Amino acid sequence: MIMINPYLKLFFGLLILLLGLGYIYKPDIIERVNKVIKDTLLNDSYVALHRRNWGFLLLLVGATLIYMGASRILAW
């Protein structure tokens, strides 16, 4: 069985917990963050101009993660 680092679980658990509290108590902050992300990172012109750069970066990261996982499972 694959073991996940407990610190990683703790980090993502706290992140999701804070996000949930933000949705309950401060929805205006969540809406502002969503607007900033939509205007900057998910902007259609930005995606159109930088799609190859992001695509190659994601392919590289994905291939590296697959190799790391496979080599650990298959003991290469």
Protein backbone atom coordinates (compact mmCIF):
# COMPACT_ATOMS: atom_id res chain seq x y z
CA MET A 1 0.00 0.00 0.00
CA ILE A 2 1.25 3.46 -0.86
CA MET A 3 1.89 5.69 2.13
CA ILE A 4 1.16 9.40 1.87
CA ASN A 5 3.29 11.76 3.89
CA PRO A 6 1.34 12.76 7.01
CA TYR A 7 2.54 16.37 6.72
CA LEU A 8 1.02 16.55 3.26
CA LYS A 9 -2.29 15.28 4.63
CA LEU A 10 -2.11 17.83 7.43
CA PHE A 11 -1.35 20.68 5.03
CA PHE A 12 -4.21 19.89 2.64
CA GLY A 13 -6.57 19.21 5.53
CA LEU A 14 -5.86 22.63 7.03
CA LEU A 15 -6.14 24.29 3.63
CA ILE A 16 -9.55 22.71 2.98
CA LEU A 17 -10.69 23.54 6.52
CA LEU A 18 -9.73 27.20 6.09
CA LEU A 19 -11.42 27.31 2.70
CA GLY A 20 -14.60 25.89 4.23
CA LEU A 21 -14.52 28.45 7.03
CA GLY A 22 -13.96 31.18 4.46
CA TYR A 23 -17.05 30.10 2.55
CA ILE A 24 -19.12 30.14 5.74
CA TYR A 25 -17.89 33.29 7.47
CA LYS A 26 -16.21 35.47 4.81
CA PRO A 27 -17.80 34.79 1.41
CA ASP A 28 -16.79 38.24 0.14
CA ILE A 29 -13.10 37.33 0.45
CA ILE A 30 -13.66 34.09 -1.45
CA GLU A 31 -15.50 35.99 -4.19
CA ARG A 32 -12.67 38.53 -4.48
CA VAL A 33 -10.03 35.78 -4.71
CA ASN A 34 -12.14 34.00 -7.33
CA LYS A 35 -12.38 37.23 -9.36
CA VAL A 36 -8.63 37.85 -9.18
CA ILE A 37 -7.87 34.30 -10.30
CA LYS A 38 -10.40 34.53 -13.12
CA ASP A 39 -9.02 37.89 -14.29
CA THR A 40 -5.34 36.92 -14.16
CA LEU A 41 -4.67 33.20 -14.51
CA LEU A 42 -7.79 32.07 -16.33
CA ASN A 43 -7.97 35.05 -18.66
CA ASP A 44 -8.68 33.87 -22.23
CA SER A 45 -5.98 36.03 -23.79
CA TYR A 46 -3.41 34.83 -21.23
CA VAL A 47 -4.32 31.20 -21.85
CA ALA A 48 -4.15 31.71 -25.62
CA LEU A 49 -0.71 33.35 -25.44
CA HIS A 50 0.93 31.01 -22.93
CA ARG A 51 -0.81 27.71 -23.61
CA ARG A 52 2.29 25.96 -24.95
CA ASN A 53 4.46 27.04 -22.02
CA TRP A 54 1.92 25.82 -19.46
CA GLY A 55 1.26 22.68 -21.49
CA PHE A 56 4.92 21.69 -21.62
CA LEU A 57 5.38 22.49 -17.94
CA LEU A 58 2.40 20.33 -16.99
CA LEU A 59 3.60 17.49 -19.25
CA LEU A 60 7.04 17.63 -17.64
CA VAL A 61 5.66 17.65 -14.09
CA GLY A 62 3.18 14.88 -14.89
CA ALA A 63 5.79 12.66 -16.51
CA THR A 64 8.16 13.21 -13.59
CA LEU A 65 5.48 12.29 -11.06
CA ILE A 66 4.52 9.17 -13.02
CA TYR A 67 8.16 8.12 -13.21
CA MET A 68 8.69 8.74 -9.49
CA GLY A 69 5.59 6.75 -8.58
CA ALA A 70 6.32 3.88 -10.94
CA SER A 71 9.95 3.61 -9.89
CA ARG A 72 8.93 3.46 -6.23
CA ILE A 73 6.25 0.84 -6.82
CA LEU A 74 8.29 -1.31 -9.23
CA ALA A 75 11.61 -0.74 -7.37
CA TRP A 76 13.62 0.32 -10.43
